[in-house]
C-alpha atoms as a PDB file:
ATOM      1  CA  MET A   1     -39.021  20.604 194.908  1.00  0.00           C
ATOM      2  CA  LYS A   2     -35.743  21.318 193.174  1.00  0.00           C
ATOM      3  CA  GLY A   3     -33.629  24.172 191.834  1.00  0.00           C
ATOM      4  CA  GLU A   4     -30.294  25.969 192.033  1.00  0.00           C
ATOM      5  CA  LEU A   5     -28.332  27.352 194.963  1.00  0.00           C
ATOM      6  CA  ARG A   6     -27.211  30.920 194.221  1.00  0.00           C
ATOM      7  CA  SER A   7     -26.029  31.987 197.697  1.00  0.00           C
ATOM      8  CA  ARG A   8     -25.502  30.638 201.215  1.00  0.00           C
ATOM      9  CA  ASP A   9     -28.767  32.253 202.236  1.00  0.00           C
ATOM     10  CA  ASP A  10     -30.692  29.718 200.113  1.00  0.00           C
ATOM     11  CA  LEU A  11     -29.843  26.699 202.221  1.00  0.00           C
ATOM     12  CA  PRO A  12     -31.320  27.817 205.555  1.00  0.00           C
ATOM     13  CA  ASN A  13     -34.577  28.657 203.733  1.00  0.00           C
ATOM     14  CA  ILE A  14     -34.727  25.324 201.957  1.00  0.00           C
ATOM     15  CA  ILE A  15     -33.916  23.231 205.031  1.00  0.00           C
ATOM     16  CA  GLY A  16     -36.086  25.435 207.293  1.00  0.00           C
ATOM     17  CA  PHE A  17     -39.113  24.923 205.006  1.00  0.00           C
ATOM     18  CA  ILE A  18     -38.634  21.091 205.196  1.00  0.00           C
ATOM     19  CA  ALA A  19     -38.354  21.265 208.973  1.00  0.00           C
ATOM     20  CA  GLN A  20     -41.350  23.627 209.475  1.00  0.00           C
ATOM     21  CA  THR A  21     -43.654  21.639 207.223  1.00  0.00           C
ATOM     22  CA  GLU A  22     -42.482  18.327 208.834  1.00  0.00           C
ATOM     23  CA  LYS A  23     -41.659  16.740 205.514  1.00  0.00           C
ATOM     24  CA  THR A  24     -40.295  13.239 205.140  1.00  0.00           C
ATOM     25  CA  GLY A  25     -37.847  12.516 202.395  1.00  0.00           C
ATOM     26  CA  VAL A  26     -34.244  13.030 201.252  1.00  0.00           C
ATOM     27  CA  LEU A  27     -32.671  16.328 200.250  1.00  0.00           C
ATOM     28  CA  VAL A  28     -29.965  15.784 197.610  1.00  0.00           C
ATOM     29  CA  LEU A  29     -27.491  18.654 197.000  1.00  0.00           C
ATOM     30  CA  ASN A  30     -24.781  18.590 194.332  1.00  0.00           C
ATOM     31  CA  ARG A  31     -21.796  20.923 193.686  1.00  0.00           C
ATOM     32  CA  LYS A  32     -19.227  19.919 191.032  1.00  0.00           C
ATOM     33  CA  ASN A  33     -17.986  16.474 192.187  1.00  0.00           C
ATOM     34  CA  ASP A  34     -19.433  16.799 195.673  1.00  0.00           C
ATOM     35  CA  LYS A  35     -22.821  15.516 196.874  1.00  0.00           C
ATOM     36  CA  ILE A  36     -24.608  15.744 200.200  1.00  0.00           C
ATOM     37  CA  GLU A  37     -27.734  13.767 201.025  1.00  0.00           C
ATOM     38  CA  ILE A  38     -29.844  14.589 204.104  1.00  0.00           C
ATOM     39  CA  GLY A  39     -32.642  12.348 205.306  1.00  0.00           C
ATOM     40  CA  PHE A  40     -35.693  13.796 207.079  1.00  0.00           C
ATOM     41  CA  ILE A  41     -38.522  12.116 208.974  1.00  0.00           C
ATOM     42  CA  LYS A  42     -41.341  14.468 209.923  1.00  0.00           C
ATOM     43  CA  GLY A  43     -38.963  17.461 209.686  1.00  0.00           C
ATOM     44  CA  ASN A  44     -36.221  15.975 211.900  1.00  0.00           C
ATOM     45  CA  VAL A  45     -32.897  14.775 210.498  1.00  0.00           C
ATOM     46  CA  ASN A  46     -32.414  10.973 210.593  1.00  0.00           C
ATOM     47  CA  GLY A  47     -29.240  10.748 208.567  1.00  0.00           C
ATOM     48  CA  ALA A  48     -26.706  12.435 206.243  1.00  0.00           C
ATOM     49  CA  VAL A  49     -24.105  11.310 203.740  1.00  0.00           C
ATOM     50  CA  TYR A  50     -21.244  13.309 202.206  1.00  0.00           C
ATOM     51  CA  THR A  51     -19.670  12.176 198.981  1.00  0.00           C
ATOM     52  CA  ARG A  52     -16.517  14.274 198.463  1.00  0.00           C
ATOM     53  CA  GLY A  53     -15.008  14.156 194.995  1.00  0.00           C
ATOM     54  CA  GLY A  54     -16.970  10.955 194.379  1.00  0.00           C
ATOM     55  CA  ILE A  55     -15.680   9.199 197.534  1.00  0.00           C
ATOM     56  CA  GLN A  56     -18.273   8.669 200.285  1.00  0.00           C
ATOM     57  CA  GLU A  57     -17.056   9.583 203.725  1.00  0.00           C
ATOM     58  CA  LEU A  58     -17.951   6.604 205.903  1.00  0.00           C
ATOM     59  CA  ILE A  59     -18.282   6.259 209.667  1.00  0.00           C
ATOM     60  CA  LYS A  60     -16.244   3.060 209.560  1.00  0.00           C
ATOM     61  CA  GLU A  61     -13.233   4.991 208.296  1.00  0.00           C
ATOM     62  CA  TYR A  62     -13.781   7.673 210.952  1.00  0.00           C
ATOM     63  CA  LEU A  63     -13.775   5.061 213.693  1.00  0.00           C
ATOM     64  CA  VAL A  64     -10.345   3.780 212.629  1.00  0.00           C
ATOM     65  CA  ASN A  65      -8.797   7.167 211.755  1.00  0.00           C
ATOM     66  CA  SER A  66      -9.823   8.671 215.040  1.00  0.00           C
ATOM     67  CA  GLY A  67      -8.384   5.704 216.967  1.00  0.00           C
ATOM     68  CA  LYS A  68     -11.715   4.599 218.367  1.00  0.00           C
ATOM     69  CA  ILE A  69     -11.254   1.176 216.774  1.00  0.00           C
ATOM     70  CA  SER A  70      -7.814  -0.277 215.823  1.00  0.00           C
ATOM     71  CA  ILE A  71      -7.025  -1.483 212.290  1.00  0.00           C
ATOM     72  CA  ASP A  72      -6.656  -5.026 213.576  1.00  0.00           C
ATOM     73  CA  ASP A  73     -10.126  -4.953 215.233  1.00  0.00           C
ATOM     74  CA  PHE A  74     -11.569  -3.482 212.085  1.00  0.00           C
ATOM     75  CA  LYS A  75     -10.186  -6.329 210.074  1.00  0.00           C
ATOM     76  CA  LYS A  76     -11.913  -8.755 212.459  1.00  0.00           C
ATOM     77  CA  ILE A  77     -15.117  -6.855 212.068  1.00  0.00           C
ATOM     78  CA  ILE A  78     -14.885  -7.016 208.264  1.00  0.00           C
ATOM     79  CA  GLU A  79     -14.146 -10.737 208.441  1.00  0.00           C
ATOM     80  CA  MET A  80     -17.281 -11.310 210.667  1.00  0.00           C
ATOM     81  CA  HIS A  81     -19.314  -9.204 208.247  1.00  0.00           C
ATOM     82  CA  ARG A  82     -18.167 -11.382 205.338  1.00  0.00           C
ATOM     83  CA  GLU A  83     -18.934 -14.599 207.221  1.00  0.00           C
ATOM     84  CA  THR A  84     -22.290 -13.660 208.842  1.00  0.00           C
ATOM     85  CA  LYS A  85     -23.535 -11.046 206.337  1.00  0.00           C
ATOM     86  CA  LEU A  86     -24.673  -9.015 209.359  1.00  0.00           C
ATOM     87  CA  PRO A  87     -24.639  -5.132 209.086  1.00  0.00           C
ATOM     88  CA  LEU A  88     -21.402  -3.611 210.284  1.00  0.00           C
ATOM     89  CA  GLU A  89     -23.184  -1.496 212.861  1.00  0.00           C
ATOM     90  CA  LYS A  90     -24.741  -4.610 214.426  1.00  0.00           C
ATOM     91  CA  ILE A  91     -21.351  -6.269 214.739  1.00  0.00           C
ATOM     92  CA  LEU A  92     -19.856  -3.165 216.265  1.00  0.00           C
ATOM     93  CA  ILE A  93     -22.592  -3.173 218.948  1.00  0.00           C
ATOM     94  CA  ASP A  94     -22.904  -6.958 219.516  1.00  0.00           C
ATOM     95  CA  GLU A  95     -19.118  -7.357 219.874  1.00  0.00           C
ATOM     96  CA  LYS A  96     -19.001  -4.360 222.218  1.00  0.00           C
ATOM     97  CA  TYR A  97     -16.602  -2.224 220.191  1.00  0.00           C
ATOM     98  CA  VAL A  98     -19.075   0.560 220.833  1.00  0.00           C
ATOM     99  CA  ASP A  99     -22.484   0.611 222.461  1.00  0.00           C
ATOM    100  CA  GLN A 100     -25.603   1.818 220.792  1.00  0.00           C
ATOM    101  CA  GLU A 101     -25.645   5.234 222.520  1.00  0.00           C
ATOM    102  CA  LYS A 102     -22.022   5.875 221.587  1.00  0.00           C
ATOM    103  CA  LEU A 103     -22.605   4.936 217.969  1.00  0.00           C
ATOM    104  CA  LYS A 104     -25.639   7.243 217.949  1.00  0.00           C
ATOM    105  CA  GLU A 105     -23.376  10.053 219.372  1.00  0.00           C
ATOM    106  CA  ILE A 106     -20.869   9.439 216.582  1.00  0.00           C
ATOM    107  CA  ILE A 107     -23.634   9.483 213.937  1.00  0.00           C
ATOM    108  CA  ASN A 108     -25.024  12.790 215.376  1.00  0.00           C
ATOM    109  CA  PHE A 109     -21.463  14.261 215.338  1.00  0.00           C
ATOM    110  CA  LYS A 110     -20.957  13.310 211.688  1.00  0.00           C
ATOM    111  CA  ILE A 111     -24.316  14.730 210.691  1.00  0.00           C
ATOM    112  CA  GLN A 112     -23.418  18.062 212.407  1.00  0.00           C
ATOM    113  CA  GLU A 113     -20.082  17.975 210.561  1.00  0.00           C
ATOM    114  CA  ILE A 114     -21.930  17.550 207.206  1.00  0.00           C
ATOM    115  CA  PHE A 115     -24.170  20.501 208.086  1.00  0.00           C
ATOM    116  CA  ASP A 116     -21.108  22.591 208.916  1.00  0.00           C
ATOM    117  CA  GLU A 117     -19.647  21.750 205.508  1.00  0.00           C
ATOM    118  CA  LEU A 118     -22.917  22.340 203.726  1.00  0.00           C
ATOM    119  CA  PHE A 119     -23.173  25.913 205.030  1.00  0.00           C
ATOM    120  CA  THR A 120     -19.951  26.774 203.218  1.00  0.00           C
ATOM    121  CA  TRP A 121     -21.642  26.062 199.913  1.00  0.00           C
ATOM    122  CA  ASP A 122     -22.729  29.190 197.910  1.00  0.00           C
ATOM    123  CA  ASN A 123     -23.690  27.389 194.694  1.00  0.00           C
ATOM    124  CA  GLY A 124     -24.936  24.113 193.367  1.00  0.00           C
ATOM    125  CA  THR A 125     -28.289  22.326 192.846  1.00  0.00           C
ATOM    126  CA  TYR A 126     -30.814  20.778 195.153  1.00  0.00           C
ATOM    127  CA  GLU A 127     -33.711  18.280 194.876  1.00  0.00           C
ATOM    128  CA  PHE A 128     -36.052  17.096 197.609  1.00  0.00           C
ATOM    129  CA  ILE A 129     -37.297  13.554 197.054  1.00  0.00           C
ATOM    130  CA  GLU A 130     -40.435  13.270 199.142  1.00  0.00           C
ATOM    131  CA  ASP A 131     -41.358  10.077 201.087  1.00  0.00           C
ATOM    132  CA  LEU A 132     -38.011   8.460 200.503  1.00  0.00           C
ATOM    133  CA  ILE A 133     -36.510   7.267 203.833  1.00  0.00           C
ATOM    134  CA  MET A 134     -32.776   7.152 204.367  1.00  0.00           C
ATOM    135  CA  TYR A 135     -31.432   4.027 206.211  1.00  0.00           C
ATOM    136  CA  PRO A 136     -34.918   2.463 206.760  1.00  0.00           C
ATOM    137  CA  ASN A 137     -33.389  -0.794 208.162  1.00  0.00           C
ATOM    138  CA  SER A 138     -30.737   0.786 210.390  1.00  0.00           C
ATOM    139  CA  ILE A 139     -30.662  -0.581 213.938  1.00  0.00           C
ATOM    140  CA  VAL A 140     -29.464   2.807 215.259  1.00  0.00           C
ATOM    141  CA  LYS A 141     -32.386   5.226 214.941  1.00  0.00           C
ATOM    142  CA  VAL A 142     -31.485   8.886 214.882  1.00  0.00           C
ATOM    143  CA  SER A 143     -33.781  11.916 215.075  1.00  0.00           C
ATOM    144  CA  ILE A 144     -32.113  15.313 215.438  1.00  0.00           C
ATOM    145  CA  ASN A 145     -33.825  18.673 215.647  1.00  0.00           C
ATOM    146  CA  THR A 146     -33.173  20.324 212.311  1.00  0.00           C
ATOM    147  CA  GLN A 147     -33.274  23.876 213.705  1.00  0.00           C
ATOM    148  CA  ALA A 148     -30.519  23.017 216.228  1.00  0.00           C
ATOM    149  CA  LEU A 149     -28.276  21.650 213.543  1.00  0.00           C
ATOM    150  CA  MET A 150     -28.812  24.731 211.414  1.00  0.00           C
ATOM    151  CA  MET A 151     -28.184  27.181 214.254  1.00  0.00           C
ATOM    152  CA  GLU A 152     -24.937  25.392 215.233  1.00  0.00           C
ATOM    153  CA  GLY A 153     -23.833  25.232 211.570  1.00  0.00           C
ATOM    154  CA  MET A 154     -24.509  28.985 210.983  1.00  0.00           C
ATOM    155  CA  ARG A 155     -22.808  29.943 214.261  1.00  0.00           C
ATOM    156  CA  ARG A 156     -19.670  28.066 213.267  1.00  0.00           C
ATOM    157  CA  MET A 157     -19.733  29.656 209.834  1.00  0.00           C
ATOM    158  CA  ASP A 158     -19.751  33.173 211.413  1.00  0.00           C
ATOM    159  CA  GLU A 159     -16.312  32.268 212.890  1.00  0.00           C
ATOM    160  CA  TRP A 160     -15.044  30.595 209.699  1.00  0.00           C
ATOM    161  CA  PRO A 161     -13.741  33.720 207.892  1.00  0.00           C
ATOM    162  CA  ASN A 162     -11.415  34.716 210.763  1.00  0.00           C
ATOM    163  CA  ILE A 163     -10.090  31.116 211.011  1.00  0.00           C
ATOM    164  CA  GLN A 164      -9.407  30.895 207.276  1.00  0.00           C
ATOM    165  CA  THR A 165      -7.306  34.079 207.289  1.00  0.00           C
ATOM    166  CA  ILE A 166      -4.749  32.186 209.405  1.00  0.00           C
ATOM    167  CA  LEU A 167      -5.380  28.611 208.316  1.00  0.00           C
ATOM    168  CA  SER A 168      -5.894  28.956 204.536  1.00  0.00           C
ATOM    169  CA  SER A 169      -4.850  25.355 203.672  1.00  0.00           C
ATOM    170  CA  THR A 170      -4.757  21.889 205.244  1.00  0.00           C
ATOM    171  CA  ASP A 171      -1.139  21.589 204.135  1.00  0.00           C
ATOM    172  CA  ILE A 172       0.199  23.555 207.084  1.00  0.00           C
ATOM    173  CA  PHE A 173       2.474  22.094 209.787  1.00  0.00           C
ATOM    174  CA  PHE A 174       2.933  23.127 213.437  1.00  0.00           C
ATOM    175  CA  LYS A 175       5.240  22.586 216.380  1.00  0.00           C
ATOM    176  CA  LYS A 176       4.802  23.203 220.103  1.00  0.00           C
ATOM    177  CA  ILE A 177       6.552  26.296 221.440  1.00  0.00           C
ATOM    178  CA  ASP A 178       9.407  25.352 223.750  1.00  0.00           C
ATOM    179  CA  ASN A 179       8.900  25.499 227.558  1.00  0.00           C
ATOM    180  CA  VAL A 180       5.329  26.715 227.134  1.00  0.00           C
ATOM    181  CA  GLN A 181       3.000  26.429 230.088  1.00  0.00           C
ATOM    182  CA  ILE A 182      -0.376  25.025 229.305  1.00  0.00           C
ATOM    183  CA  PRO A 183      -3.232  27.146 230.812  1.00  0.00           C
ATOM    184  CA  GLU A 184      -5.453  25.311 233.421  1.00  0.00           C
ATOM    185  CA  ASN A 185      -8.569  26.498 231.639  1.00  0.00           C
ATOM    186  CA  ILE A 186      -7.569  25.073 228.202  1.00  0.00           C
ATOM    187  CA  GLY A 187     -10.549  23.460 226.447  1.00  0.00           C
ATOM    188  CA  ILE A 188     -10.906  19.715 226.045  1.00  0.00           C
ATOM    189  CA  GLU A 189     -10.677  20.031 222.187  1.00  0.00           C
ATOM    190  CA  GLU A 190      -7.604  22.291 222.334  1.00  0.00           C
ATOM    191  CA  LYS A 191      -5.850  19.916 224.820  1.00  0.00           C
ATOM    192  CA  ARG A 192      -6.564  16.916 222.513  1.00  0.00           C
ATOM    193  CA  VAL A 193      -5.179  18.714 219.469  1.00  0.00           C
ATOM    194  CA  PHE A 194      -2.202  20.093 221.358  1.00  0.00           C
ATOM    195  CA  ASP A 195      -1.169  16.575 222.423  1.00  0.00           C
ATOM    196  CA  LEU A 196      -1.274  15.551 218.742  1.00  0.00           C
ATOM    197  CA  ILE A 197       0.834  18.494 217.446  1.00  0.00           C
ATOM    198  CA  SER A 198       4.140  17.573 215.863  1.00  0.00           C
ATOM    199  CA  PRO A 199       6.040  18.786 212.775  1.00  0.00           C
ATOM    200  CA  GLU A 200       5.256  15.522 210.971  1.00  0.00           C
ATOM    201  CA  LYS A 201       1.472  16.150 211.038  1.00  0.00           C
ATOM    202  CA  SER A 202      -0.242  18.601 208.752  1.00  0.00           C
ATOM    203  CA  LEU A 203      -3.506  20.280 209.557  1.00  0.00           C
ATOM    204  CA  GLY A 204      -5.220  17.688 207.254  1.00  0.00           C
ATOM    205  CA  ASP A 205      -3.608  14.895 209.360  1.00  0.00           C
ATOM    206  CA  LEU A 206      -4.897  16.473 212.546  1.00  0.00           C
ATOM    207  CA  ILE A 207      -8.408  16.644 211.107  1.00  0.00           C
ATOM    208  CA  ARG A 208      -8.207  13.006 210.187  1.00  0.00           C
ATOM    209  CA  ILE A 209      -6.909  11.638 213.502  1.00  0.00           C
ATOM    210  CA  SER A 210      -8.282  14.054 216.134  1.00  0.00           C
ATOM    211  CA  GLY A 211     -11.781  12.645 216.101  1.00  0.00           C
ATOM    212  CA  LEU A 212     -13.098  16.197 216.363  1.00  0.00           C
ATOM    213  CA  GLY A 213     -14.097  16.754 212.719  1.00  0.00           C
ATOM    214  CA  LYS A 214     -13.058  19.535 210.389  1.00  0.00           C
ATOM    215  CA  PHE A 215     -14.433  22.657 212.097  1.00  0.00           C
ATOM    216  CA  LEU A 216     -13.534  21.890 215.672  1.00  0.00           C
ATOM    217  CA  THR A 217     -10.004  20.826 214.615  1.00  0.00           C
ATOM    218  CA  TYR A 218      -9.584  24.114 212.726  1.00  0.00           C
ATOM    219  CA  GLN A 219     -11.024  26.070 215.645  1.00  0.00           C
ATOM    220  CA  SER A 220      -8.767  24.296 218.163  1.00  0.00           C
ATOM    221  CA  VAL A 221      -5.612  24.923 216.111  1.00  0.00           C
ATOM    222  CA  TYR A 222      -6.655  28.531 215.635  1.00  0.00           C
ATOM    223  CA  ASN A 223      -7.123  28.969 219.428  1.00  0.00           C
ATOM    224  CA  LEU A 224      -3.745  27.292 220.150  1.00  0.00           C
ATOM    225  CA  LEU A 225      -2.041  29.742 217.755  1.00  0.00           C
ATOM    226  CA  LYS A 226      -3.777  32.680 219.424  1.00  0.00           C
ATOM    227  CA  MET A 227      -2.713  31.448 222.903  1.00  0.00           C
ATOM    228  CA  ASN A 228       0.933  31.147 221.629  1.00  0.00           C
ATOM    229  CA  LEU A 229       1.093  27.448 222.548  1.00  0.00           C
ATOM    230  CA  ILE A 230       2.066  26.379 219.036  1.00  0.00           C
ATOM    231  CA  GLU A 231       3.471  27.961 215.904  1.00  0.00           C
ATOM    232  CA  LYS A 232       3.617  27.202 212.207  1.00  0.00           C
ATOM    233  CA  THR A 233       6.627  25.349 210.906  1.00  0.00           C
ATOM    234  CA  LYS A 234       8.033  23.445 207.937  1.00  0.00           C
ATOM    235  CA  LYS A 235       7.338  19.711 207.644  1.00  0.00           C
ATOM    236  CA  ILE A 236       9.920  17.503 209.204  1.00  0.00           C
ATOM    237  CA  GLU A 237       9.952  14.021 207.557  1.00  0.00           C
ATOM    238  CA  ASN A 238      10.943  11.078 209.668  1.00  0.00           C
ATOM    239  CA  LYS A 239      13.232   8.359 208.404  1.00  0.00           C
ATOM    240  CA  GLU A 240      10.369   5.936 207.660  1.00  0.00           C
ATOM    241  CA  GLU A 241       8.695   8.573 205.433  1.00  0.00           C
ATOM    242  CA  LYS A 242      11.886   9.182 203.511  1.00  0.00           C
ATOM    243  CA  LYS A 243      12.454   5.463 203.101  1.00  0.00           C
ATOM    244  CA  GLU A 244       8.905   4.973 201.855  1.00  0.00           C
ATOM    245  CA  VAL A 245       9.307   7.824 199.318  1.00  0.00           C
ATOM    246  CA  LYS A 246      12.507   6.168 197.971  1.00  0.00           C
ATOM    247  CA  GLU A 247      10.881   2.785 197.722  1.00  0.00           C
ATOM    248  CA  LYS A 248       7.822   4.268 195.943  1.00  0.00           C
ATOM    249  CA  ALA A 249       9.866   6.128 193.351  1.00  0.00           C
ATOM    250  CA  PRO A 250      10.442   3.163 190.967  1.00  0.00           C
ATOM    251  CA  LEU A 251       6.805   2.147 191.272  1.00  0.00           C
ATOM    252  CA  ASP A 252       5.559   5.581 190.449  1.00  0.00           C
ATOM    253  CA  LEU A 253       7.759   5.683 187.320  1.00  0.00           C
ATOM    254  CA  LYS A 254       6.393   2.356 186.287  1.00  0.00           C
ATOM    255  CA  ILE A 255       2.824   3.626 186.706  1.00  0.00           C
ATOM    256  CA  VAL A 256       3.620   6.653 184.568  1.00  0.00           C
ATOM    257  CA  MET A 257       5.108   4.515 181.821  1.00  0.00           C
ATOM    258  CA  ASN A 258       2.098   2.220 181.847  1.00  0.00           C
ATOM    259  CA  TRP A 259      -0.274   5.142 181.520  1.00  0.00           C
ATOM    260  CA  LEU A 260       1.824   6.583 178.677  1.00  0.00           C
ATOM    261  CA  ILE A 261       1.627   3.294 176.840  1.00  0.00           C
ATOM    262  CA  LEU A 262      -2.162   3.189 177.341  1.00  0.00           C
ATOM    263  CA  ILE A 263      -2.529   6.719 176.067  1.00  0.00           C
ATOM    264  CA  ILE A 264      -0.368   6.100 172.990  1.00  0.00           C
ATOM    265  CA  PHE A 265      -2.298   2.857 172.273  1.00  0.00           C
ATOM    266  CA  ALA A 266      -5.590   4.753 172.615  1.00  0.00           C
ATOM    267  CA  ILE A 267      -4.433   7.406 170.124  1.00  0.00           C
ATOM    268  CA  LEU A 268      -3.407   4.680 167.650  1.00  0.00           C
ATOM    269  CA  LEU A 269      -6.696   2.998 168.011  1.00  0.00           C
ATOM    270  CA  THR A 270      -8.525   6.245 167.538  1.00  0.00           C
ATOM    271  CA  GLY A 271      -6.529   6.965 164.351  1.00  0.00           C
ATOM    272  CA  SER A 272      -7.326   3.645 162.875  1.00  0.00           C
ATOM    273  CA  GLY A 273     -10.933   3.599 164.108  1.00  0.00           C
ATOM    274  CA  PHE A 274     -10.468   0.040 165.385  1.00  0.00           C
ATOM    275  CA  PHE A 275     -12.634  -0.385 168.436  1.00  0.00           C
ATOM    276  CA  ALA A 276     -11.636   3.155 169.465  1.00  0.00           C
ATOM    277  CA  LYS A 277     -15.062   4.032 170.911  1.00  0.00           C
ATOM    278  CA  ARG A 278     -15.302   0.854 172.914  1.00  0.00           C
ATOM    279  CA  PHE A 279     -11.790   1.215 174.323  1.00  0.00           C
ATOM    280  CA  TYR A 280     -12.387   4.843 175.310  1.00  0.00           C
ATOM    281  CA  ASN A 281     -15.600   4.003 177.019  1.00  0.00           C
ATOM    282  CA  LYS A 282     -14.045   1.061 178.905  1.00  0.00           C
ATOM    283  CA  ILE A 283     -10.978   2.880 180.184  1.00  0.00           C
ATOM    284  CA  PHE A 284     -11.262   6.633 180.143  1.00  0.00           C
ATOM    285  CA  SER A 285     -14.963   7.522 180.537  1.00  0.00           C
ATOM    286  CA  TYR A 286     -15.521   5.930 183.941  1.00  0.00           C
ATOM    287  CA  PRO A 287     -16.078   8.422 186.775  1.00  0.00           C
ATOM    288  CA  VAL A 288     -12.742   9.152 188.529  1.00  0.00           C
ATOM    289  CA  ILE A 289     -13.964   7.355 191.611  1.00  0.00           C
ATOM    290  CA  LYS A 290     -15.340   3.970 192.491  1.00  0.00           C
ATOM    291  CA  TYR A 291     -18.614   2.649 191.089  1.00  0.00           C
ATOM    292  CA  LYS A 292     -21.263   1.968 193.676  1.00  0.00           C
ATOM    293  CA  ALA A 293     -23.231  -1.275 193.333  1.00  0.00           C
ATOM    294  CA  THR A 294     -26.426  -1.861 195.226  1.00  0.00           C
ATOM    295  CA  ASP A 295     -27.092  -5.460 196.098  1.00  0.00           C
ATOM    296  CA  GLN A 296     -23.745  -7.109 195.166  1.00  0.00           C
ATOM    297  CA  TYR A 297     -22.411  -8.659 198.323  1.00  0.00           C
ATOM    298  CA  MET A 298     -18.979  -9.620 196.964  1.00  0.00           C
ATOM    299  CA  LEU A 299     -18.373  -6.148 195.592  1.00  0.00           C
ATOM    300  CA  GLU A 300     -19.159  -4.763 199.040  1.00  0.00           C
ATOM    301  CA  ASN A 301     -16.653  -7.188 200.537  1.00  0.00           C
ATOM    302  CA  ILE A 302     -13.880  -6.086 198.140  1.00  0.00           C
ATOM    303  CA  ASP A 303     -14.797  -2.460 198.795  1.00  0.00           C
ATOM    304  CA  ASN A 304     -14.482  -3.018 202.596  1.00  0.00           C
ATOM    305  CA  ILE A 305     -11.087  -4.783 202.098  1.00  0.00           C
ATOM    306  CA  LEU A 306      -9.817  -1.857 200.007  1.00  0.00           C
ATOM    307  CA  THR A 307     -10.816   0.467 202.914  1.00  0.00           C
ATOM    308  CA  VAL A 308      -8.739  -1.577 205.359  1.00  0.00           C
ATOM    309  CA  PHE A 309      -5.879  -1.691 202.913  1.00  0.00           C
ATOM    310  CA  PHE A 310      -5.899   2.111 202.591  1.00  0.00           C
ATOM    311  CA  LEU A 311      -6.080   2.620 206.336  1.00  0.00           C
ATOM    312  CA  GLN A 312      -3.114   0.339 206.921  1.00  0.00           C
ATOM    313  CA  TYR A 313      -0.873   1.287 203.982  1.00  0.00           C
ATOM    314  CA  LYS A 314      -2.035   4.866 203.291  1.00  0.00           C
ATOM    315  CA  ARG A 315      -2.590   4.070 199.620  1.00  0.00           C
ATOM    316  CA  TYR A 316      -4.804   1.925 197.415  1.00  0.00           C
ATOM    317  CA  PRO A 317      -3.365  -1.139 195.700  1.00  0.00           C
ATOM    318  CA  GLU A 318      -2.144  -0.935 192.119  1.00  0.00           C
ATOM    319  CA  ASN A 319      -4.277  -3.980 191.299  1.00  0.00           C
ATOM    320  CA  LEU A 320      -6.461  -6.512 193.140  1.00  0.00           C
ATOM    321  CA  LYS A 321      -3.745  -9.194 192.910  1.00  0.00           C
ATOM    322  CA  GLU A 322      -2.088  -7.292 195.831  1.00  0.00           C
ATOM    323  CA  LEU A 323      -5.054  -8.341 198.005  1.00  0.00           C
ATOM    324  CA  VAL A 324      -4.552 -11.955 196.891  1.00  0.00           C
ATOM    325  CA  GLU A 325      -0.827 -11.837 197.597  1.00  0.00           C
ATOM    326  CA  ILE A 326      -1.355 -10.741 201.219  1.00  0.00           C
ATOM    327  CA  LYS A 327      -4.130 -13.378 201.526  1.00  0.00           C
ATOM    328  CA  TRP A 328      -6.938 -10.835 202.145  1.00  0.00           C
ATOM    329  CA  ALA A 329      -8.979 -11.958 199.097  1.00  0.00           C
ATOM    330  CA  ASP A 330      -9.510 -15.033 196.945  1.00  0.00           C
ATOM    331  CA  GLU A 331      -8.099 -14.934 193.390  1.00  0.00           C
ATOM    332  CA  LYS A 332     -11.224 -16.407 191.842  1.00  0.00           C
ATOM    333  CA  ILE A 333     -13.335 -13.647 193.416  1.00  0.00           C
ATOM    334  CA  VAL A 334     -11.152 -10.655 192.435  1.00  0.00           C
ATOM    335  CA  GLU A 335     -10.975 -11.926 188.786  1.00  0.00           C
ATOM    336  CA  ARG A 336     -14.720 -11.154 188.607  1.00  0.00           C
ATOM    337  CA  PHE A 337     -14.138  -7.344 189.032  1.00  0.00           C
ATOM    338  CA  PHE A 338     -12.691  -4.545 187.047  1.00  0.00           C
ATOM    339  CA  TYR A 339     -10.475  -2.400 189.211  1.00  0.00           C
ATOM    340  CA  MET A 340      -8.476   0.731 188.374  1.00  0.00           C
ATOM    341  CA  LYS A 341      -6.579   3.002 190.789  1.00  0.00           C
ATOM    342  CA  THR A 342      -7.212   6.730 190.068  1.00  0.00           C
ATOM    343  CA  GLU A 343      -5.997  10.065 191.248  1.00  0.00           C
ATOM    344  CA  PHE A 344      -8.751  10.358 193.931  1.00  0.00           C
ATOM    345  CA  GLY A 345      -9.544   6.743 194.752  1.00  0.00           C
ATOM    346  CA  TYR A 346     -10.462   3.829 192.501  1.00  0.00           C
ATOM    347  CA  VAL A 347     -12.962   2.373 190.096  1.00  0.00           C
ATOM    348  CA  LEU A 348     -14.517  -0.901 191.156  1.00  0.00           C
ATOM    349  CA  LYS A 349     -17.067  -2.638 188.938  1.00  0.00           C
ATOM    350  CA  PRO A 350     -18.230  -6.173 188.129  1.00  0.00           C
ATOM    351  CA  LEU A 351     -16.769  -7.329 184.815  1.00  0.00           C
ATOM    352  CA  ASP A 352     -20.055  -8.628 183.497  1.00  0.00           C
ATOM    353  CA  GLU A 353     -21.631  -5.173 183.510  1.00  0.00           C
END
């Protein structure tokens, strides 16, 4: 079963058919650089993955960004994962960072968030791969009623146009209105977002750190604006941000110069015909985002370390030697991988491929 999505009405029909016929398999949906995969077992949803712009949105990053696990604790978890080769979710549960029910709640929440995002799609392609099971070895078993996910997703989408008229971008900043009195009946989500509001945080930042997901954060900010508890403002940079920008400026110029040299070199090679095709394929024809390997344990370790690096420094390293310099990785191991930082993330690939 496969075809094209031509409107938002197509998705409820496709997913509803899978649920009603109690199919088992994985529904793969693609739109430009985005991909959503939804796993079904006998018509119920057992998992979902969203790959946005080539970068897979992972629960481990959500746990840190939302403050449920500290960066230091996450480093310890990654180190244990490297030493024991146990799944991350097993370490999270065994070391009591979260219990199994809490982790299941988080997975359910992220699946609903993916459904909410999916119902904004009005074009793309789909394919249902029957009898393929998503996460067959997961220790946290999830089974969610598909109709309930769809109903909630469509309900939220009915509210979405009104929200977008006021919140048209994630690059909007807010401040609390002076001397405002918070109503006693304010919702839990609104109270959480209100406590996070400051002129240094954009709507995108609030989505990332609130732990509420995209839709509930949008809705909470929308409600706070309607209640006149907050207002839009211009971004106010703190001293640390300004200092970081100044320190990064020379590095950014160096990166630009390096890319210019690479481009000029590529043009010269193309003109001469000397290994031009090979050079182009090696450098410029990779996907803009990281390459996913299947069974390569060391690549997974480097990938996890890069995640921790990004969470701590809010950027990806210019090269893998940075990981060696801060003693997060061994030089002999990183030398076995091709790494290139890109606009949206990075390319990571074993050199022998």
